[in-house]
Amino acid sequence: MTSAPITRRHRPPVPVDLGLVLPPFVRGAGDPTSHRARDGWWFGWTTPAGTVTLHLRAEGSDVVASAWGDGGDWVLDRLPDLVGGRDDPEAFVPHHELVARGWPRMRGWRVPANGLVVQMLVCSVLEQRVTGREAFSSQRQLVRRYGSPAPGPGEELGLICPPTPAEWARIPSWAWLRAGVDSARSRVAVGVVRVAGRLDECADLPLEQAHARMRSLPGIGVWTAAEVAQRALGDADSPSFGDYHVAKDVTLALDGVVGDDARMAELLEPYAGQRYRAQRVITATAGHRPRRGPRRSLPTHLPTRF
């Protein structure tokens, strides 16, 4: 019998659009840690306090969250941050016509901060140097094999919570390889989970210190730290430098020609403090540049610097 959930209701200062805020937590089609249904968004997460099934839905201007499992209080205490409470979109000023045109459609988006630094880091490490499809496949295999069924209704939905840091550390080398994760990435992932306590403290550190702590680890560079900051820390100023596509998409949208990270940095400089927001508005408005040549399994990230 499913136990009763604990529930919190939060009214953000300005209404948020969960359909814009929550998709970054979904790691590809078939992600065993997430499920979207008519009644809202479902997640199976592993918090420092234990596993949790989290359900989020909008009721008017309110966000209503229900949680099952030992991690319930932990995640609900962070509900305001999870739906963008650390983010200040009022400071954002468009400096390009395309951004001014796209910004009104993105006003319900906030940069989330779920506080799960280690969980987000492991996912981002799996995405280093490979296509999104390959990374998501690896994540599915490892979570299904070494994770645990989500509490309460999460199990009925087929949700699986990721392994704990100790469980990630015990995965044998052959299992990483079987899931398509080379030894370079698995070493980085294991290095991450071995200092999980120190890394999860990043959720409560100033952003500059949090980035420095993450990047002090071997194998964690600007791209990987930004991917985490965009999900776990509510960082609106961490654009995706080093990504295979983003700089090309942003520069083409604003310049009319494909450029590199250095040019994207120049174009985003007027948005200092809000550069990731500008990136998201630009790519959401202009879309991706046309792909040429035979169709293949293209990356969603494929960082060139990780």
Protein backbone atom coordinates (compact mmCIF):
# COMPACT_ATOMS: atom_id res chain seq x y z
CA MET A 1 0.00 0.00 0.00
CA THR A 2 1.37 3.42 -0.99
CA SER A 3 1.97 5.71 1.97
CA ALA A 4 0.57 9.22 2.00
CA PRO A 5 2.88 11.85 0.55
CA ILE A 6 4.07 15.02 2.16
CA THR A 7 2.96 18.02 0.15
CA ARG A 8 4.04 21.64 -0.15
CA ARG A 9 2.51 24.51 -2.06
CA HIS A 10 4.68 27.37 -3.31
CA ARG A 11 3.65 30.57 -5.05
CA PRO A 12 6.60 32.14 -6.89
CA PRO A 13 6.71 35.95 -6.99
CA VAL A 14 6.03 35.69 -10.72
CA PRO A 15 4.32 32.63 -12.29
CA VAL A 16 6.71 30.05 -13.70
CA ASP A 17 6.20 27.64 -16.59
CA LEU A 18 7.13 24.13 -15.43
CA GLY A 19 7.22 23.06 -19.07
CA LEU A 20 10.24 25.34 -19.51
CA VAL A 21 11.86 24.89 -16.08
CA LEU A 22 11.88 21.10 -15.69
CA PRO A 23 12.96 19.57 -19.06
CA PRO A 24 16.71 19.94 -18.31
CA PHE A 25 16.27 17.24 -15.65
CA VAL A 26 15.11 14.73 -18.27
CA ARG A 27 18.07 12.80 -19.70
CA GLY A 28 16.73 11.69 -23.05
CA ALA A 29 13.82 9.49 -24.11
CA GLY A 30 13.32 6.58 -21.77
CA ASP A 31 15.06 8.29 -18.84
CA PRO A 32 14.23 5.98 -15.88
CA THR A 33 14.44 8.87 -13.40
CA SER A 34 11.70 11.01 -14.97
CA HIS A 35 8.17 10.76 -16.29
CA ARG A 36 5.80 13.38 -17.66
CA ALA A 37 2.08 12.73 -17.48
CA ARG A 38 -1.16 14.64 -17.72
CA ASP A 39 -1.09 15.21 -13.99
CA GLY A 40 2.37 16.81 -14.03
CA TRP A 41 6.04 15.89 -13.75
CA TRP A 42 7.45 12.92 -11.84
CA PHE A 43 11.06 12.37 -10.80
CA GLY A 44 12.95 9.64 -8.95
CA TRP A 45 15.95 11.21 -7.28
CA THR A 46 18.54 10.20 -4.71
CA THR A 47 19.14 12.98 -2.19
CA PRO A 48 21.68 13.10 0.65
CA ALA A 49 18.76 12.14 2.93
CA GLY A 50 17.60 9.16 0.82
CA THR A 51 15.54 8.36 -2.24
CA VAL A 52 12.44 10.30 -3.19
CA THR A 53 9.61 10.24 -5.68
CA LEU A 54 8.75 13.84 -6.50
CA HIS A 55 5.58 14.99 -8.25
CA LEU A 56 5.24 18.58 -9.44
CA ARG A 57 2.20 20.25 -10.90
CA ALA A 58 0.90 23.77 -11.49
CA GLU A 59 -2.33 24.96 -9.91
CA GLY A 60 -2.97 28.45 -11.15
CA SER A 61 0.03 30.52 -10.04
CA ASP A 62 1.05 27.91 -7.45
CA VAL A 63 3.45 25.02 -7.77
CA VAL A 64 2.27 22.00 -5.79
CA ALA A 65 4.85 19.37 -4.91
CA SER A 66 4.27 15.94 -3.36
CA ALA A 67 7.02 13.63 -2.22
CA TRP A 68 7.36 10.04 -1.04
CA GLY A 69 10.42 8.50 0.61
CA ASP A 70 13.20 9.40 3.00
CA GLY A 71 14.34 12.29 0.80
CA GLY A 72 10.95 13.95 0.81
CA ASP A 73 11.58 16.70 3.34
CA TRP A 74 15.02 17.37 1.86
CA VAL A 75 13.67 18.03 -1.63
CA LEU A 76 10.53 19.89 -0.55
CA ASP A 77 12.56 22.24 1.60
CA ARG A 78 14.25 23.23 -1.67
CA LEU A 79 11.03 23.64 -3.67
CA PRO A 80 11.35 27.43 -4.16
CA ASP A 81 14.90 27.03 -5.50
CA LEU A 82 13.90 24.04 -7.61
CA VAL A 83 11.48 26.20 -9.60
CA GLY A 84 13.88 29.13 -9.92
CA GLY A 85 13.85 30.97 -6.62
CA ARG A 86 17.56 31.82 -6.90
CA ASP A 87 17.12 33.23 -10.38
CA ASP A 88 16.43 36.93 -11.02
CA PRO A 89 15.08 37.39 -14.54
CA GLU A 90 14.20 41.02 -13.84
CA ALA A 91 17.88 41.88 -14.26
CA PHE A 92 17.83 40.61 -17.85
CA VAL A 93 17.94 43.24 -20.61
CA PRO A 94 17.89 42.20 -24.30
CA HIS A 95 20.73 43.68 -26.36
CA HIS A 96 19.88 42.08 -29.72
CA GLU A 97 16.71 42.24 -31.78
CA LEU A 98 16.42 38.45 -31.82
CA VAL A 99 16.70 38.31 -28.04
CA ALA A 100 14.12 41.08 -27.62
CA ARG A 101 11.79 39.14 -29.89
CA GLY A 102 12.24 35.83 -28.09
CA TRP A 103 12.38 36.99 -24.49
CA PRO A 104 8.60 37.51 -23.97
CA ARG A 105 7.99 33.83 -24.82
CA MET A 106 10.58 32.76 -22.23
CA ARG A 107 9.44 34.89 -19.29
CA GLY A 108 8.03 31.85 -17.51
CA TRP A 109 11.41 30.11 -17.57
CA ARG A 110 13.66 30.14 -14.52
CA VAL A 111 17.05 28.51 -14.00
CA PRO A 112 16.37 25.69 -11.52
CA ALA A 113 18.45 24.68 -8.51
CA ASN A 114 17.63 21.18 -7.30
CA GLY A 115 20.75 21.07 -5.09
CA LEU A 116 21.73 17.59 -6.29
CA VAL A 117 25.26 18.47 -7.31
CA VAL A 118 26.70 14.96 -7.34
CA GLN A 119 23.75 13.44 -9.20
CA MET A 120 23.94 16.15 -11.86
CA LEU A 121 27.74 15.83 -12.07
CA VAL A 122 27.65 12.11 -12.74
CA CYS A 123 25.11 12.61 -15.52
CA SER A 124 27.22 15.36 -17.09
CA VAL A 125 30.40 13.28 -16.87
CA LEU A 126 28.61 10.52 -18.79
CA GLU A 127 27.89 13.11 -21.51
CA GLN A 128 31.51 14.11 -21.97
CA ARG A 129 32.98 13.48 -25.44
CA VAL A 130 30.06 11.38 -26.71
CA THR A 131 26.73 12.00 -28.40
CA GLY A 132 23.68 12.68 -26.32
CA ARG A 133 22.12 9.43 -27.52
CA GLU A 134 25.15 7.44 -26.35
CA ALA A 135 25.27 9.19 -22.99
CA PHE A 136 21.57 8.75 -22.32
CA SER A 137 21.82 5.07 -23.18
CA SER A 138 24.69 4.65 -20.71
CA GLN A 139 22.77 6.48 -18.01
CA ARG A 140 19.68 4.30 -18.56
CA GLN A 141 21.66 1.08 -18.33
CA LEU A 142 23.58 2.03 -15.21
CA VAL A 143 20.60 3.48 -13.34
CA ARG A 144 18.40 0.49 -14.16
CA ARG A 145 21.03 -1.97 -13.02
CA TYR A 146 22.43 -0.23 -9.95
CA GLY A 147 19.70 2.19 -8.88
CA SER A 148 16.65 1.42 -6.73
CA PRO A 149 12.90 1.57 -7.38
CA ALA A 150 11.47 4.97 -6.56
CA PRO A 151 9.33 5.10 -3.40
CA GLY A 152 5.53 5.12 -3.39
CA PRO A 153 3.83 5.65 -6.75
CA GLY A 154 7.19 6.14 -8.44
CA GLU A 155 7.71 2.39 -8.50
CA GLU A 156 4.30 1.91 -10.12
CA LEU A 157 5.35 4.40 -12.81
CA GLY A 158 8.59 2.50 -13.38
CA LEU A 159 10.78 5.26 -11.97
CA ILE A 160 14.21 4.33 -10.68
CA CYS A 161 16.33 6.47 -8.37
CA PRO A 162 20.02 6.75 -9.31
CA PRO A 163 22.62 4.91 -7.26
CA THR A 164 23.92 6.51 -4.10
CA PRO A 165 27.52 7.77 -4.23
CA ALA A 166 28.69 4.58 -2.49
CA GLU A 167 26.79 2.47 -5.03
CA TRP A 168 28.28 4.39 -7.97
CA ALA A 169 31.75 3.80 -6.51
CA ARG A 170 31.19 0.04 -6.31
CA ILE A 171 30.25 -0.40 -9.98
CA PRO A 172 32.93 -2.66 -11.51
CA SER A 173 35.00 -1.45 -14.42
CA TRP A 174 33.55 -4.03 -16.80
CA ALA A 175 30.02 -2.77 -16.07
CA TRP A 176 30.94 0.78 -17.01
CA LEU A 177 32.42 -0.50 -20.26
CA ARG A 178 29.40 -2.67 -20.99
CA ALA A 179 27.22 0.43 -20.61
CA GLY A 180 29.38 2.27 -23.15
CA VAL A 181 31.36 4.38 -20.68
CA ASP A 182 35.10 4.41 -21.38
CA SER A 183 37.62 4.24 -18.57
CA ALA A 184 38.45 7.95 -18.78
CA ARG A 185 34.88 8.97 -17.97
CA SER A 186 34.29 6.24 -15.40
CA ARG A 187 37.43 7.34 -13.52
CA VAL A 188 36.10 10.89 -13.39
CA ALA A 189 32.67 9.71 -12.22
CA VAL A 190 34.18 7.57 -9.46
CA GLY A 191 36.38 10.48 -8.43
CA VAL A 192 33.26 12.63 -8.14
CA VAL A 193 31.29 10.24 -5.93
CA ARG A 194 34.25 9.63 -3.62
CA VAL A 195 34.05 13.28 -2.50
CA ALA A 196 30.26 13.49 -2.63
CA GLY A 197 29.89 15.27 0.69
CA ARG A 198 32.22 18.09 -0.31
CA LEU A 199 30.55 18.44 -3.68
CA ASP A 200 26.99 18.51 -2.37
CA GLU A 201 28.08 21.41 -0.14
CA CYS A 202 28.40 23.39 -3.38
CA ALA A 203 24.61 23.80 -3.38
CA ASP A 204 24.96 26.29 -0.51
CA LEU A 205 28.17 28.02 -1.57
CA PRO A 206 28.49 31.26 -3.53
CA LEU A 207 28.53 30.40 -7.23
CA GLU A 208 32.18 31.33 -7.75
CA GLN A 209 33.26 29.03 -4.93
CA ALA A 210 30.98 26.24 -6.13
CA HIS A 211 32.49 26.36 -9.62
CA ALA A 212 36.01 26.40 -8.21
CA ARG A 213 35.33 23.38 -6.01
CA MET A 214 33.83 21.37 -8.88
CA ARG A 215 36.61 22.28 -11.27
CA SER A 216 39.30 21.36 -8.77
CA LEU A 217 38.52 17.71 -9.57
CA PRO A 218 40.40 16.00 -12.42
CA GLY A 219 38.21 15.77 -15.50
CA ILE A 220 35.76 18.52 -14.49
CA GLY A 221 36.10 21.53 -16.76
CA VAL A 222 34.09 24.55 -17.78
CA TRP A 223 31.45 22.65 -19.77
CA THR A 224 30.75 20.01 -17.13
CA ALA A 225 30.59 22.55 -14.31
CA ALA A 226 28.20 24.70 -16.34
CA GLU A 227 25.90 21.76 -17.02
CA VAL A 228 25.65 21.20 -13.26
CA ALA A 229 25.26 24.88 -12.44
CA GLN A 230 22.38 25.15 -14.90
CA ARG A 231 20.45 22.44 -13.03
CA ALA A 232 21.67 22.22 -9.44
CA LEU A 233 22.76 25.78 -8.63
CA GLY A 234 20.34 28.10 -10.44
CA ASP A 235 23.22 29.81 -12.26
CA ALA A 236 21.95 32.15 -14.98
CA ASP A 237 25.50 33.14 -15.96
CA SER A 238 27.06 29.78 -16.97
CA PRO A 239 26.78 29.44 -20.74
CA SER A 240 27.75 26.19 -22.41
CA PHE A 241 31.29 27.00 -23.53
CA GLY A 242 32.94 23.96 -25.05
CA ASP A 243 29.70 22.50 -26.37
CA TYR A 244 29.82 20.98 -29.85
CA HIS A 245 26.79 22.95 -31.10
CA VAL A 246 25.97 25.90 -28.86
CA ALA A 247 28.63 28.42 -29.95
CA LYS A 248 27.89 27.65 -33.58
CA ASP A 249 24.16 28.10 -33.08
CA VAL A 250 24.51 31.33 -31.08
CA THR A 251 27.00 32.98 -33.42
CA LEU A 252 25.03 32.04 -36.52
CA ALA A 253 21.85 33.44 -34.98
CA LEU A 254 23.45 36.77 -34.04
CA ASP A 255 26.22 37.19 -36.66
CA GLY A 256 24.84 35.28 -39.61
CA VAL A 257 28.03 33.17 -39.74
CA VAL A 258 29.20 30.25 -37.65
CA GLY A 259 31.74 31.19 -34.99
CA ASP A 260 33.55 29.64 -32.06
CA ASP A 261 33.48 29.96 -28.28
CA ALA A 262 35.60 33.12 -28.36
CA ARG A 263 33.09 34.85 -30.62
CA MET A 264 30.16 33.62 -28.53
CA ALA A 265 31.86 35.06 -25.45
CA GLU A 266 32.09 38.45 -27.19
CA LEU A 267 28.44 38.35 -28.22
CA LEU A 268 27.27 37.38 -24.73
CA GLU A 269 29.45 39.91 -22.90
CA PRO A 270 26.63 42.54 -22.72
CA TYR A 271 24.62 39.95 -20.80
CA ALA A 272 27.22 39.49 -18.04
CA GLY A 273 25.45 37.96 -15.06
CA GLN A 274 22.76 36.54 -17.36
CA ARG A 275 24.76 34.91 -20.16
CA TYR A 276 23.15 31.50 -19.85
CA ARG A 277 19.72 33.11 -20.00
CA ALA A 278 20.75 34.90 -23.17
CA GLN A 279 22.03 31.64 -24.65
CA ARG A 280 18.76 29.87 -23.93
CA VAL A 281 16.65 32.68 -25.35
CA ILE A 282 18.79 32.80 -28.51
CA THR A 283 18.72 29.07 -29.18
CA ALA A 284 15.02 28.76 -28.31
CA THR A 285 14.17 31.59 -30.70
CA ALA A 286 16.53 30.86 -33.60
CA GLY A 287 16.68 27.09 -33.28
CA HIS A 288 19.65 25.01 -34.39
CA ARG A 289 21.66 25.77 -37.49
CA PRO A 290 20.93 23.53 -40.52
CA ARG A 291 22.82 20.23 -40.51
CA ARG A 292 24.41 19.23 -43.80
CA GLY A 293 25.50 15.88 -45.13
CA PRO A 294 24.12 12.40 -44.47
CA ARG A 295 21.85 12.05 -41.46
CA ARG A 296 23.49 10.41 -38.47
CA SER A 297 23.08 10.22 -34.71
CA LEU A 298 24.04 13.79 -33.90
CA PRO A 299 25.10 14.86 -30.43
CA THR A 300 22.96 16.99 -28.19
CA HIS A 301 26.06 18.32 -26.42
CA LEU A 302 29.33 16.54 -27.37
CA PRO A 303 31.54 18.99 -25.49
CA THR A 304 34.86 19.87 -27.03
CA ARG A 305 36.12 20.99 -23.62
CA PHE A 306 34.69 19.19 -20.66
